[in-house]
Amino acid sequence: MGSAKKSSAARSARIEEMRRAEQARERRTRILVIAASVVVVAGLVAGTVVLVQSQSDDGGSSTASDGKNAGEFVTGKDGVRAWKGELGRNHVTKAVDYPVTPPVGGDHNPVWMNCNGDVYTDELNNTNAVHSLEHGAVWVTYNASAGEADVEALAAKVKKTPYTLMSPVDGQKDPIMLSAWGHQRTVTGADDPDVDAFLAKFVQGEQTPEPGAACTNGLSK
């Protein structure tokens, strides 16, 4: 009897020891799960902060330099200036410091200006107009020195030409300029034969990064 009681007590002790060991393992497992969860949450928070900072306008600045726009114009025999250098094509919501006015490419706003023969009487946001160039549009621009008759005649031509747009750009150096993605030239007036030659070559021309992309359903003003 005494031997049986001792054996039963030993089994009970082993069972209790195993129960306590199992409880200890469960506690350690819970602690590890909680710790892992904290690390994951902390990582997600840190990643979100980095993402937000990377998408901000350079820590609050409203202007950002487009490093991929390094290069220069080379003028061909036909008078067209071709940009020699890489032009960025990232979508950004901040302003871009383009190296030439009007710009001929580079990072740009996700939304394009309508360019289905659209004529604007106010200056445009460059980043929206550059997106239109990416779609194969030609941008006709003029400053205050351009003659009124030339502006009216060019506007009439643009309205009849899909994949074109027109607007004033007071900061440009010449009275009337034509721009396409990576290309630009100055013309003397609406009756300059180089106007039609530029349109024929660059409206949806070989330079177009996104041929066939829409020139409607963008911004209209």
N, C-alpha and C. Protein backbone atom coordinates (compact mmCIF):
# COMPACT_ATOMS: atom_id res chain seq x y z
N MET A 1 0.83 -1.20 0.00
CA MET A 1 0.00 0.00 0.00
C MET A 1 0.86 1.25 0.00
N GLY A 2 1.89 1.19 0.90
CA GLY A 2 2.76 2.36 0.98
C GLY A 2 3.46 2.62 -0.32
N SER A 3 3.86 1.55 -0.98
CA SER A 3 4.56 1.68 -2.27
C SER A 3 3.63 2.26 -3.33
N ALA A 4 2.36 1.85 -3.33
CA ALA A 4 1.38 2.35 -4.30
C ALA A 4 1.12 3.83 -4.08
N LYS A 5 1.04 4.23 -2.79
CA LYS A 5 0.80 5.65 -2.50
C LYS A 5 1.96 6.50 -2.98
N LYS A 6 3.17 5.98 -2.76
CA LYS A 6 4.35 6.74 -3.20
C LYS A 6 4.36 6.88 -4.72
N SER A 7 4.00 5.80 -5.43
CA SER A 7 3.98 5.84 -6.90
C SER A 7 2.94 6.82 -7.40
N SER A 8 1.76 6.83 -6.75
CA SER A 8 0.70 7.77 -7.15
C SER A 8 1.12 9.20 -6.90
N ALA A 9 1.78 9.44 -5.78
CA ALA A 9 2.24 10.79 -5.46
C ALA A 9 3.29 11.25 -6.46
N ALA A 10 4.15 10.32 -6.86
CA ALA A 10 5.20 10.68 -7.83
C ALA A 10 4.59 11.05 -9.17
N ARG A 11 3.55 10.22 -9.59
CA ARG A 11 2.89 10.54 -10.87
C ARG A 11 2.22 11.90 -10.80
N SER A 12 1.56 12.19 -9.67
CA SER A 12 0.90 13.49 -9.50
C SER A 12 1.91 14.62 -9.57
N ALA A 13 3.06 14.41 -8.94
CA ALA A 13 4.10 15.44 -8.95
C ALA A 13 4.60 15.69 -10.37
N ARG A 14 4.78 14.56 -11.13
CA ARG A 14 5.26 14.71 -12.51
C ARG A 14 4.22 15.43 -13.38
N ILE A 15 2.96 15.07 -13.15
CA ILE A 15 1.89 15.73 -13.92
C ILE A 15 1.85 17.22 -13.62
N GLU A 16 1.97 17.57 -12.33
CA GLU A 16 1.95 18.98 -11.93
C GLU A 16 3.15 19.71 -12.51
N GLU A 17 4.31 19.01 -12.51
CA GLU A 17 5.51 19.62 -13.08
C GLU A 17 5.33 19.87 -14.58
N MET A 18 4.73 18.88 -15.26
CA MET A 18 4.50 19.03 -16.70
C MET A 18 3.49 20.14 -16.97
N ARG A 19 2.47 20.24 -16.11
CA ARG A 19 1.47 21.31 -16.29
C ARG A 19 2.11 22.68 -16.15
N ARG A 20 2.97 22.82 -15.12
CA ARG A 20 3.63 24.10 -14.92
C ARG A 20 4.59 24.44 -16.07
N ALA A 21 5.27 23.40 -16.57
CA ALA A 21 6.17 23.62 -17.70
C ALA A 21 5.40 24.07 -18.94
N GLU A 22 4.22 23.44 -19.16
CA GLU A 22 3.38 23.83 -20.30
C GLU A 22 2.89 25.25 -20.15
N GLN A 23 2.50 25.64 -18.95
CA GLN A 23 2.06 27.02 -18.70
C GLN A 23 3.20 27.99 -18.97
N ALA A 24 4.40 27.61 -18.54
CA ALA A 24 5.56 28.48 -18.76
C ALA A 24 5.82 28.66 -20.25
N ARG A 25 5.71 27.56 -21.02
CA ARG A 25 5.90 27.64 -22.47
C ARG A 25 4.85 28.54 -23.12
N GLU A 26 3.61 28.41 -22.65
CA GLU A 26 2.54 29.25 -23.19
C GLU A 26 2.81 30.72 -22.92
N ARG A 27 3.31 31.01 -21.68
CA ARG A 27 3.61 32.40 -21.35
C ARG A 27 4.72 32.94 -22.25
N ARG A 28 5.76 32.10 -22.46
CA ARG A 28 6.87 32.53 -23.32
C ARG A 28 6.39 32.75 -24.75
N THR A 29 5.50 31.86 -25.22
CA THR A 29 4.97 32.01 -26.58
C THR A 29 4.18 33.30 -26.73
N ARG A 30 3.33 33.60 -25.70
CA ARG A 30 2.55 34.84 -25.75
C ARG A 30 3.46 36.06 -25.78
N ILE A 31 4.51 36.00 -24.97
CA ILE A 31 5.45 37.13 -24.92
C ILE A 31 6.14 37.33 -26.27
N LEU A 32 6.56 36.19 -26.89
CA LEU A 32 7.22 36.28 -28.19
C LEU A 32 6.27 36.82 -29.26
N VAL A 33 5.00 36.37 -29.24
CA VAL A 33 4.02 36.85 -30.21
C VAL A 33 3.79 38.34 -30.05
N ILE A 34 3.64 38.78 -28.80
CA ILE A 34 3.41 40.21 -28.54
C ILE A 34 4.61 41.02 -29.00
N ALA A 35 5.82 40.54 -28.69
CA ALA A 35 7.04 41.26 -29.08
C ALA A 35 7.14 41.35 -30.60
N ALA A 36 6.84 40.24 -31.28
CA ALA A 36 6.90 40.24 -32.74
C ALA A 36 5.89 41.21 -33.33
N SER A 37 4.70 41.25 -32.72
CA SER A 37 3.66 42.16 -33.20
C SER A 37 4.10 43.61 -33.05
N VAL A 38 4.74 43.91 -31.93
CA VAL A 38 5.22 45.28 -31.70
C VAL A 38 6.26 45.66 -32.75
N VAL A 39 7.17 44.71 -33.06
CA VAL A 39 8.19 44.98 -34.06
C VAL A 39 7.56 45.23 -35.43
N VAL A 40 6.57 44.39 -35.80
CA VAL A 40 5.91 44.56 -37.09
C VAL A 40 5.20 45.90 -37.18
N VAL A 41 4.45 46.25 -36.13
CA VAL A 41 3.72 47.53 -36.12
C VAL A 41 4.71 48.69 -36.21
N ALA A 42 5.79 48.60 -35.44
CA ALA A 42 6.79 49.66 -35.46
C ALA A 42 7.38 49.80 -36.86
N GLY A 43 7.63 48.65 -37.52
CA GLY A 43 8.18 48.70 -38.86
C GLY A 43 7.21 49.33 -39.85
N LEU A 44 5.92 48.99 -39.70
CA LEU A 44 4.91 49.58 -40.59
C LEU A 44 4.82 51.08 -40.39
N VAL A 45 4.84 51.52 -39.15
CA VAL A 45 4.77 52.95 -38.86
C VAL A 45 5.97 53.67 -39.44
N ALA A 46 7.17 53.08 -39.23
CA ALA A 46 8.38 53.70 -39.76
C ALA A 46 8.34 53.76 -41.28
N GLY A 47 7.86 52.67 -41.90
CA GLY A 47 7.77 52.65 -43.35
C GLY A 47 6.80 53.68 -43.88
N THR A 48 5.69 53.85 -43.17
CA THR A 48 4.70 54.86 -43.58
C THR A 48 5.30 56.25 -43.49
N VAL A 49 6.04 56.52 -42.43
CA VAL A 49 6.67 57.84 -42.27
C VAL A 49 7.64 58.11 -43.40
N VAL A 50 8.46 57.08 -43.73
CA VAL A 50 9.42 57.24 -44.82
C VAL A 50 8.71 57.48 -46.14
N LEU A 51 7.61 56.72 -46.38
CA LEU A 51 6.86 56.88 -47.63
C LEU A 51 6.27 58.27 -47.73
N VAL A 52 5.68 58.74 -46.66
CA VAL A 52 5.08 60.08 -46.67
C VAL A 52 6.15 61.13 -46.91
N GLN A 53 7.30 60.97 -46.25
CA GLN A 53 8.36 61.94 -46.44
C GLN A 53 8.88 61.93 -47.86
N SER A 54 8.97 60.70 -48.45
CA SER A 54 9.47 60.61 -49.82
C SER A 54 8.51 61.21 -50.82
N GLN A 55 7.22 61.26 -50.46
CA GLN A 55 6.23 61.82 -51.38
C GLN A 55 5.96 63.29 -51.11
N SER A 56 6.57 63.84 -50.07
CA SER A 56 6.36 65.24 -49.76
C SER A 56 7.18 66.10 -50.69
N ASP A 57 6.87 67.37 -50.74
CA ASP A 57 7.54 68.28 -51.64
C ASP A 57 8.88 68.73 -51.08
N ASP A 58 9.84 67.80 -51.05
CA ASP A 58 11.18 68.10 -50.56
C ASP A 58 11.15 68.75 -49.20
N GLY A 59 10.42 68.15 -48.26
CA GLY A 59 10.39 68.65 -46.90
C GLY A 59 9.69 69.98 -46.77
N GLY A 60 8.76 70.27 -47.68
CA GLY A 60 8.00 71.50 -47.58
C GLY A 60 8.29 72.48 -48.70
N SER A 61 9.36 72.25 -49.46
CA SER A 61 9.67 73.14 -50.56
C SER A 61 8.66 72.95 -51.68
N SER A 62 8.29 74.02 -52.36
CA SER A 62 7.30 73.93 -53.42
C SER A 62 7.95 73.68 -54.78
N THR A 63 9.27 73.67 -54.83
CA THR A 63 9.96 73.49 -56.09
C THR A 63 11.01 72.42 -55.95
N ALA A 64 11.12 71.57 -56.95
CA ALA A 64 12.13 70.52 -56.91
C ALA A 64 12.87 70.50 -58.23
N SER A 65 14.17 70.36 -58.17
CA SER A 65 14.97 70.28 -59.38
C SER A 65 14.89 68.87 -59.94
N ASP A 66 14.69 68.74 -61.24
CA ASP A 66 14.62 67.44 -61.88
C ASP A 66 16.01 67.05 -62.35
N GLY A 67 16.68 66.19 -61.58
CA GLY A 67 18.04 65.82 -61.88
C GLY A 67 18.21 65.11 -63.21
N LYS A 68 17.13 64.52 -63.74
CA LYS A 68 17.24 63.80 -65.00
C LYS A 68 17.16 64.72 -66.21
N ASN A 69 17.03 66.01 -65.99
CA ASN A 69 16.92 66.94 -67.10
C ASN A 69 18.27 67.53 -67.51
N ALA A 70 19.36 67.01 -66.99
CA ALA A 70 20.66 67.53 -67.35
C ALA A 70 20.91 67.31 -68.84
N GLY A 71 21.36 68.35 -69.53
CA GLY A 71 21.63 68.25 -70.95
C GLY A 71 21.67 69.62 -71.58
N GLU A 72 21.55 69.66 -72.89
CA GLU A 72 21.57 70.94 -73.60
C GLU A 72 20.90 70.78 -74.96
N PHE A 73 20.53 71.92 -75.54
CA PHE A 73 19.95 71.92 -76.88
C PHE A 73 21.06 71.87 -77.93
N VAL A 74 20.80 71.14 -78.99
CA VAL A 74 21.65 71.15 -80.17
C VAL A 74 20.76 71.52 -81.35
N THR A 75 21.12 72.59 -82.05
CA THR A 75 20.28 73.09 -83.13
C THR A 75 20.64 72.42 -84.46
N GLY A 76 19.60 71.88 -85.11
CA GLY A 76 19.81 71.23 -86.40
C GLY A 76 19.78 72.21 -87.55
N LYS A 77 20.06 71.72 -88.75
CA LYS A 77 20.06 72.58 -89.94
C LYS A 77 18.68 73.15 -90.23
N ASP A 78 17.63 72.46 -89.76
CA ASP A 78 16.27 72.94 -89.99
C ASP A 78 15.83 73.96 -88.95
N GLY A 79 16.72 74.31 -88.03
CA GLY A 79 16.39 75.30 -87.00
C GLY A 79 15.72 74.73 -85.77
N VAL A 80 15.47 73.43 -85.75
CA VAL A 80 14.85 72.78 -84.60
C VAL A 80 15.93 72.45 -83.58
N ARG A 81 15.70 72.82 -82.35
CA ARG A 81 16.62 72.52 -81.26
C ARG A 81 16.21 71.18 -80.63
N ALA A 82 17.13 70.25 -80.59
CA ALA A 82 16.87 68.93 -80.00
C ALA A 82 17.60 68.83 -78.67
N TRP A 83 16.91 68.35 -77.64
CA TRP A 83 17.50 68.22 -76.31
C TRP A 83 18.38 66.99 -76.26
N LYS A 84 19.63 67.20 -75.96
CA LYS A 84 20.58 66.10 -75.83
C LYS A 84 20.80 65.84 -74.34
N GLY A 85 20.21 64.81 -73.84
CA GLY A 85 20.27 64.48 -72.42
C GLY A 85 19.01 63.73 -72.03
N GLU A 86 19.04 63.13 -70.87
CA GLU A 86 17.89 62.34 -70.42
C GLU A 86 16.80 63.25 -69.86
N LEU A 87 15.56 62.96 -70.20
CA LEU A 87 14.41 63.69 -69.68
C LEU A 87 13.61 62.75 -68.77
N GLY A 88 13.47 63.13 -67.51
CA GLY A 88 12.71 62.30 -66.58
C GLY A 88 11.26 62.17 -67.01
N ARG A 89 10.63 61.08 -66.61
CA ARG A 89 9.23 60.86 -66.96
C ARG A 89 8.42 60.42 -65.75
N ASN A 90 8.88 60.76 -64.56
CA ASN A 90 8.16 60.40 -63.35
C ASN A 90 6.93 61.29 -63.16
N HIS A 91 5.90 60.73 -62.54
CA HIS A 91 4.74 61.52 -62.18
C HIS A 91 4.97 62.12 -60.80
N VAL A 92 4.85 63.43 -60.70
CA VAL A 92 5.08 64.13 -59.43
C VAL A 92 3.94 65.13 -59.22
N THR A 93 3.71 65.47 -57.97
CA THR A 93 2.67 66.46 -57.66
C THR A 93 3.28 67.79 -57.24
N LYS A 94 4.60 67.87 -57.25
CA LYS A 94 5.29 69.10 -56.89
C LYS A 94 5.69 69.86 -58.15
N ALA A 95 6.11 71.11 -57.97
CA ALA A 95 6.61 71.88 -59.10
C ALA A 95 7.98 71.33 -59.50
N VAL A 96 8.33 71.49 -60.77
CA VAL A 96 9.61 71.00 -61.27
C VAL A 96 10.39 72.18 -61.84
N ASP A 97 11.66 72.25 -61.51
CA ASP A 97 12.52 73.33 -61.99
C ASP A 97 13.11 72.91 -63.34
N TYR A 98 12.38 73.21 -64.42
CA TYR A 98 12.84 72.81 -65.75
C TYR A 98 13.99 73.70 -66.22
N PRO A 99 14.91 73.16 -67.01
CA PRO A 99 16.06 73.95 -67.43
C PRO A 99 15.79 74.93 -68.57
N VAL A 100 14.67 74.76 -69.27
CA VAL A 100 14.33 75.69 -70.37
C VAL A 100 12.87 76.10 -70.25
N THR A 101 12.56 77.25 -70.85
CA THR A 101 11.20 77.78 -70.84
C THR A 101 10.78 78.11 -72.27
N PRO A 102 9.69 77.52 -72.75
CA PRO A 102 8.87 76.47 -72.14
C PRO A 102 9.66 75.16 -72.04
N PRO A 103 9.30 74.29 -71.11
CA PRO A 103 9.99 73.01 -71.00
C PRO A 103 9.65 72.09 -72.16
N VAL A 104 10.55 71.16 -72.44
CA VAL A 104 10.31 70.20 -73.54
C VAL A 104 10.25 68.76 -73.03
N GLY A 105 10.14 68.59 -71.72
CA GLY A 105 10.05 67.25 -71.15
C GLY A 105 10.58 67.24 -69.74
N GLY A 106 10.46 66.10 -69.10
CA GLY A 106 10.90 65.94 -67.72
C GLY A 106 9.77 65.40 -66.87
N ASP A 107 10.06 65.25 -65.59
CA ASP A 107 9.03 64.81 -64.65
C ASP A 107 7.83 65.74 -64.74
N HIS A 108 6.63 65.21 -64.52
CA HIS A 108 5.45 66.02 -64.76
C HIS A 108 4.28 65.54 -63.90
N ASN A 109 3.25 66.37 -63.88
CA ASN A 109 2.05 66.06 -63.11
C ASN A 109 1.33 64.84 -63.71
N PRO A 110 0.67 64.03 -62.87
CA PRO A 110 -0.05 62.88 -63.41
C PRO A 110 -1.19 63.23 -64.36
N VAL A 111 -1.67 64.48 -64.31
CA VAL A 111 -2.79 64.90 -65.16
C VAL A 111 -2.27 65.81 -66.27
N TRP A 112 -2.65 65.54 -67.49
CA TRP A 112 -2.22 66.35 -68.63
C TRP A 112 -3.21 67.48 -68.88
N MET A 113 -2.74 68.49 -69.63
CA MET A 113 -3.65 69.50 -70.15
C MET A 113 -4.33 68.94 -71.39
N ASN A 114 -5.61 69.23 -71.54
CA ASN A 114 -6.28 68.82 -72.78
C ASN A 114 -5.54 69.45 -73.96
N CYS A 115 -5.30 68.64 -74.98
CA CYS A 115 -4.47 69.10 -76.10
C CYS A 115 -5.08 68.68 -77.44
N ASN A 116 -6.39 68.68 -77.48
CA ASN A 116 -7.10 68.32 -78.70
C ASN A 116 -7.48 69.59 -79.46
N GLY A 117 -6.43 70.38 -79.79
CA GLY A 117 -6.68 71.68 -80.42
C GLY A 117 -7.17 72.71 -79.42
N ASP A 118 -6.69 72.60 -78.18
CA ASP A 118 -7.16 73.50 -77.11
C ASP A 118 -6.32 74.78 -77.05
N VAL A 119 -7.00 75.91 -76.98
CA VAL A 119 -6.34 77.22 -76.90
C VAL A 119 -6.66 77.83 -75.54
N TYR A 120 -5.61 78.14 -74.77
CA TYR A 120 -5.76 78.71 -73.43
C TYR A 120 -5.30 80.17 -73.45
N THR A 121 -6.03 81.01 -72.76
CA THR A 121 -5.68 82.43 -72.72
C THR A 121 -4.85 82.78 -71.49
N ASP A 122 -4.75 81.87 -70.55
CA ASP A 122 -3.92 82.09 -69.36
C ASP A 122 -2.74 81.13 -69.37
N GLU A 123 -1.70 81.48 -68.62
CA GLU A 123 -0.53 80.61 -68.52
C GLU A 123 -0.91 79.28 -67.87
N LEU A 124 -0.26 78.23 -68.28
CA LEU A 124 -0.55 76.89 -67.78
C LEU A 124 0.48 76.47 -66.74
N ASN A 125 0.12 75.50 -65.95
CA ASN A 125 1.09 74.85 -65.09
C ASN A 125 2.01 74.00 -65.97
N ASN A 126 3.29 74.29 -65.95
CA ASN A 126 4.23 73.59 -66.83
C ASN A 126 4.16 72.07 -66.69
N THR A 127 3.98 71.60 -65.46
CA THR A 127 4.00 70.15 -65.24
C THR A 127 2.83 69.45 -65.92
N ASN A 128 1.71 70.14 -66.08
CA ASN A 128 0.58 69.55 -66.80
C ASN A 128 0.81 69.59 -68.30
N ALA A 129 1.37 70.69 -68.79
CA ALA A 129 1.63 70.82 -70.22
C ALA A 129 2.69 69.83 -70.68
N VAL A 130 3.70 69.59 -69.85
CA VAL A 130 4.74 68.62 -70.21
C VAL A 130 4.14 67.23 -70.37
N HIS A 131 3.14 66.91 -69.55
CA HIS A 131 2.48 65.61 -69.71
C HIS A 131 1.82 65.53 -71.08
N SER A 132 1.27 66.64 -71.56
CA SER A 132 0.68 66.65 -72.91
C SER A 132 1.74 66.37 -73.97
N LEU A 133 2.93 66.94 -73.78
CA LEU A 133 4.03 66.67 -74.72
C LEU A 133 4.38 65.19 -74.74
N GLU A 134 4.33 64.56 -73.56
CA GLU A 134 4.62 63.13 -73.48
C GLU A 134 3.62 62.33 -74.32
N HIS A 135 2.41 62.85 -74.47
CA HIS A 135 1.38 62.17 -75.26
C HIS A 135 1.49 62.46 -76.75
N GLY A 136 2.50 63.26 -77.12
CA GLY A 136 2.71 63.54 -78.54
C GLY A 136 2.13 64.84 -79.02
N ALA A 137 1.80 65.75 -78.10
CA ALA A 137 1.23 67.04 -78.49
C ALA A 137 2.34 68.05 -78.82
N VAL A 138 1.98 69.02 -79.63
CA VAL A 138 2.83 70.19 -79.88
C VAL A 138 2.23 71.37 -79.13
N TRP A 139 3.07 72.08 -78.41
CA TRP A 139 2.63 73.20 -77.57
C TRP A 139 3.08 74.50 -78.23
N VAL A 140 2.12 75.30 -78.66
CA VAL A 140 2.38 76.60 -79.27
C VAL A 140 2.30 77.65 -78.17
N THR A 141 3.38 78.42 -78.01
CA THR A 141 3.41 79.43 -76.93
C THR A 141 3.85 80.78 -77.48
N TYR A 142 3.45 81.82 -76.76
CA TYR A 142 3.78 83.19 -77.18
C TYR A 142 3.92 84.07 -75.94
N ASN A 143 4.65 85.17 -76.10
CA ASN A 143 4.74 86.14 -75.02
C ASN A 143 4.12 87.46 -75.44
N ALA A 144 4.30 88.49 -74.63
CA ALA A 144 3.63 89.77 -74.88
C ALA A 144 4.13 90.47 -76.13
N SER A 145 5.28 90.05 -76.66
CA SER A 145 5.83 90.68 -77.86
C SER A 145 5.22 90.14 -79.15
N ALA A 146 4.48 89.06 -79.05
CA ALA A 146 3.86 88.47 -80.25
C ALA A 146 2.74 89.38 -80.76
N GLY A 147 2.63 89.49 -82.07
CA GLY A 147 1.59 90.31 -82.66
C GLY A 147 0.21 89.70 -82.47
N GLU A 148 -0.78 90.56 -82.28
CA GLU A 148 -2.14 90.07 -82.05
C GLU A 148 -2.66 89.24 -83.22
N ALA A 149 -2.35 89.69 -84.45
CA ALA A 149 -2.82 88.96 -85.64
C ALA A 149 -2.20 87.56 -85.70
N ASP A 150 -0.91 87.47 -85.34
CA ASP A 150 -0.26 86.17 -85.33
C ASP A 150 -0.86 85.24 -84.29
N VAL A 151 -1.16 85.79 -83.11
CA VAL A 151 -1.76 84.98 -82.05
C VAL A 151 -3.11 84.44 -82.49
N GLU A 152 -3.91 85.30 -83.11
CA GLU A 152 -5.23 84.87 -83.57
C GLU A 152 -5.13 83.81 -84.67
N ALA A 153 -4.20 84.01 -85.61
CA ALA A 153 -4.04 83.06 -86.71
C ALA A 153 -3.52 81.72 -86.19
N LEU A 154 -2.59 81.75 -85.24
CA LEU A 154 -2.08 80.51 -84.67
C LEU A 154 -3.17 79.78 -83.89
N ALA A 155 -3.99 80.55 -83.17
CA ALA A 155 -5.09 79.94 -82.42
C ALA A 155 -6.05 79.22 -83.35
N ALA A 156 -6.34 79.84 -84.50
CA ALA A 156 -7.23 79.21 -85.47
C ALA A 156 -6.63 77.91 -86.01
N LYS A 157 -5.31 77.92 -86.23
CA LYS A 157 -4.63 76.72 -86.73
C LYS A 157 -4.65 75.61 -85.69
N VAL A 158 -4.37 75.98 -84.44
CA VAL A 158 -4.36 75.00 -83.36
C VAL A 158 -5.72 74.36 -83.19
N LYS A 159 -6.77 75.16 -83.24
CA LYS A 159 -8.12 74.63 -83.04
C LYS A 159 -8.49 73.57 -84.07
N LYS A 160 -7.83 73.60 -85.21
CA LYS A 160 -8.13 72.63 -86.27
C LYS A 160 -7.16 71.43 -86.24
N THR A 161 -6.25 71.42 -85.28
CA THR A 161 -5.20 70.39 -85.28
C THR A 161 -5.23 69.57 -84.00
N PRO A 162 -5.66 68.31 -84.08
CA PRO A 162 -5.61 67.45 -82.89
C PRO A 162 -4.17 67.30 -82.37
N TYR A 163 -4.06 67.03 -81.10
CA TYR A 163 -2.76 66.88 -80.43
C TYR A 163 -1.93 68.16 -80.51
N THR A 164 -2.60 69.28 -80.30
CA THR A 164 -1.92 70.56 -80.13
C THR A 164 -2.60 71.33 -79.00
N LEU A 165 -1.86 72.25 -78.43
CA LEU A 165 -2.42 73.19 -77.45
C LEU A 165 -1.65 74.48 -77.56
N MET A 166 -2.24 75.54 -77.05
CA MET A 166 -1.63 76.87 -77.18
C MET A 166 -1.90 77.67 -75.92
N SER A 167 -0.88 78.43 -75.49
CA SER A 167 -1.05 79.28 -74.30
C SER A 167 0.04 80.34 -74.27
N PRO A 168 -0.17 81.42 -73.52
CA PRO A 168 0.91 82.40 -73.32
C PRO A 168 1.94 81.88 -72.32
N VAL A 169 3.20 82.24 -72.55
CA VAL A 169 4.28 81.95 -71.61
C VAL A 169 5.14 83.21 -71.56
N ASP A 170 4.90 84.05 -70.59
CA ASP A 170 5.57 85.35 -70.53
C ASP A 170 7.08 85.22 -70.37
N GLY A 171 7.54 84.12 -69.77
CA GLY A 171 8.97 83.97 -69.50
C GLY A 171 9.81 83.47 -70.66
N GLN A 172 9.21 83.17 -71.81
CA GLN A 172 10.02 82.66 -72.91
C GLN A 172 10.75 83.79 -73.62
N LYS A 173 11.88 83.46 -74.23
CA LYS A 173 12.77 84.50 -74.77
C LYS A 173 12.31 85.04 -76.12
N ASP A 174 11.57 84.25 -76.90
CA ASP A 174 11.14 84.68 -78.23
C ASP A 174 9.63 84.84 -78.28
N PRO A 175 9.12 85.69 -79.17
CA PRO A 175 7.68 85.96 -79.20
C PRO A 175 6.82 84.72 -79.44
N ILE A 176 7.24 83.86 -80.37
CA ILE A 176 6.44 82.66 -80.69
C ILE A 176 7.36 81.45 -80.73
N MET A 177 6.99 80.39 -80.00
CA MET A 177 7.80 79.18 -79.96
C MET A 177 6.92 77.96 -80.07
N LEU A 178 7.48 76.90 -80.61
CA LEU A 178 6.78 75.62 -80.75
C LEU A 178 7.59 74.57 -80.00
N SER A 179 6.91 73.75 -79.20
CA SER A 179 7.62 72.74 -78.40
C SER A 179 6.95 71.39 -78.56
N ALA A 180 7.78 70.37 -78.64
CA ALA A 180 7.35 68.97 -78.59
C ALA A 180 8.27 68.28 -77.60
N TRP A 181 8.01 67.02 -77.29
CA TRP A 181 8.86 66.32 -76.33
C TRP A 181 10.30 66.26 -76.87
N GLY A 182 11.21 66.94 -76.16
CA GLY A 182 12.62 66.94 -76.52
C GLY A 182 12.98 67.83 -77.69
N HIS A 183 12.05 68.63 -78.21
CA HIS A 183 12.33 69.46 -79.38
C HIS A 183 11.64 70.83 -79.25
N GLN A 184 12.26 71.84 -79.87
CA GLN A 184 11.70 73.19 -79.78
C GLN A 184 12.28 74.05 -80.90
N ARG A 185 11.47 75.03 -81.32
CA ARG A 185 11.98 75.98 -82.28
C ARG A 185 11.23 77.31 -82.14
N THR A 186 11.85 78.36 -82.66
CA THR A 186 11.23 79.68 -82.74
C THR A 186 10.73 79.90 -84.17
N VAL A 187 9.58 80.54 -84.31
CA VAL A 187 9.07 80.90 -85.63
C VAL A 187 8.80 82.40 -85.66
N THR A 188 8.77 82.96 -86.86
CA THR A 188 8.64 84.41 -86.99
C THR A 188 7.19 84.88 -86.94
N GLY A 189 6.24 83.98 -87.18
CA GLY A 189 4.84 84.38 -87.18
C GLY A 189 3.97 83.22 -87.61
N ALA A 190 2.67 83.50 -87.69
CA ALA A 190 1.72 82.44 -88.04
C ALA A 190 1.91 81.93 -89.45
N ASP A 191 2.41 82.82 -90.37
CA ASP A 191 2.57 82.42 -91.77
C ASP A 191 3.96 81.85 -92.06
N ASP A 192 4.78 81.69 -91.05
CA ASP A 192 6.10 81.08 -91.22
C ASP A 192 5.90 79.62 -91.64
N PRO A 193 6.46 79.18 -92.77
CA PRO A 193 6.28 77.78 -93.20
C PRO A 193 6.81 76.76 -92.20
N ASP A 194 7.69 77.20 -91.31
CA ASP A 194 8.22 76.28 -90.31
C ASP A 194 7.16 75.84 -89.30
N VAL A 195 6.08 76.61 -89.20
CA VAL A 195 4.98 76.21 -88.29
C VAL A 195 4.38 74.90 -88.77
N ASP A 196 3.97 74.87 -90.04
CA ASP A 196 3.36 73.65 -90.58
C ASP A 196 4.36 72.50 -90.62
N ALA A 197 5.63 72.80 -90.89
CA ALA A 197 6.64 71.75 -90.94
C ALA A 197 6.83 71.12 -89.56
N PHE A 198 6.84 71.95 -88.53
CA PHE A 198 7.01 71.44 -87.16
C PHE A 198 5.81 70.59 -86.76
N LEU A 199 4.61 71.09 -87.07
CA LEU A 199 3.41 70.32 -86.73
C LEU A 199 3.39 68.98 -87.45
N ALA A 200 3.75 69.00 -88.74
CA ALA A 200 3.72 67.77 -89.52
C ALA A 200 4.71 66.73 -88.96
N LYS A 201 5.84 67.19 -88.47
CA LYS A 201 6.87 66.27 -88.01
C LYS A 201 6.65 65.79 -86.57
N PHE A 202 6.13 66.68 -85.71
CA PHE A 202 6.14 66.36 -84.28
C PHE A 202 4.77 66.08 -83.66
N VAL A 203 3.67 66.39 -84.32
CA VAL A 203 2.37 65.97 -83.79
C VAL A 203 2.30 64.45 -83.87
N GLN A 204 2.30 63.79 -82.72
CA GLN A 204 2.35 62.33 -82.66
C GLN A 204 3.55 61.79 -83.45
N GLY A 205 4.67 62.53 -83.38
CA GLY A 205 5.85 62.16 -84.13
C GLY A 205 6.66 61.06 -83.45
N GLU A 206 7.80 60.76 -84.05
CA GLU A 206 8.65 59.67 -83.56
C GLU A 206 9.19 59.95 -82.16
N GLN A 207 9.23 61.21 -81.77
CA GLN A 207 9.76 61.56 -80.46
C GLN A 207 8.80 61.24 -79.32
N THR A 208 7.55 60.91 -79.65
CA THR A 208 6.50 60.75 -78.65
C THR A 208 6.77 59.56 -77.72
N PRO A 209 6.90 59.78 -76.41
CA PRO A 209 7.11 58.67 -75.49
C PRO A 209 5.89 57.76 -75.37
N GLU A 210 4.68 58.35 -75.48
CA GLU A 210 3.46 57.57 -75.32
C GLU A 210 2.53 57.82 -76.51
N PRO A 211 2.86 57.30 -77.67
CA PRO A 211 2.01 57.54 -78.85
C PRO A 211 0.61 56.99 -78.66
N GLY A 212 -0.36 57.78 -79.07
CA GLY A 212 -1.76 57.35 -78.96
C GLY A 212 -2.41 57.63 -77.64
N ALA A 213 -1.63 58.10 -76.64
CA ALA A 213 -2.23 58.43 -75.35
C ALA A 213 -3.19 59.60 -75.50
N ALA A 214 -4.14 59.72 -74.60
CA ALA A 214 -5.24 60.67 -74.74
C ALA A 214 -4.77 62.13 -74.68
N CYS A 215 -5.48 62.97 -75.40
CA CYS A 215 -5.31 64.42 -75.28
C CYS A 215 -6.61 65.06 -74.81
N THR A 216 -7.55 64.22 -74.36
CA THR A 216 -8.80 64.70 -73.78
C THR A 216 -8.92 64.10 -72.38
N ASN A 217 -9.98 64.53 -71.69
CA ASN A 217 -10.26 64.04 -70.32
C ASN A 217 -9.16 64.39 -69.32
N GLY A 218 -8.39 65.44 -69.63
CA GLY A 218 -7.41 65.97 -68.70
C GLY A 218 -7.92 67.26 -68.08
N LEU A 219 -7.01 68.21 -67.87
CA LEU A 219 -7.40 69.52 -67.37
C LEU A 219 -7.80 70.41 -68.53
N SER A 220 -8.83 71.21 -68.31
CA SER A 220 -9.30 72.10 -69.38
C SER A 220 -9.00 73.57 -69.09
N LYS A 221 -8.44 73.85 -67.91
CA LYS A 221 -8.06 75.23 -67.60
C LYS A 221 -7.17 75.24 -66.38
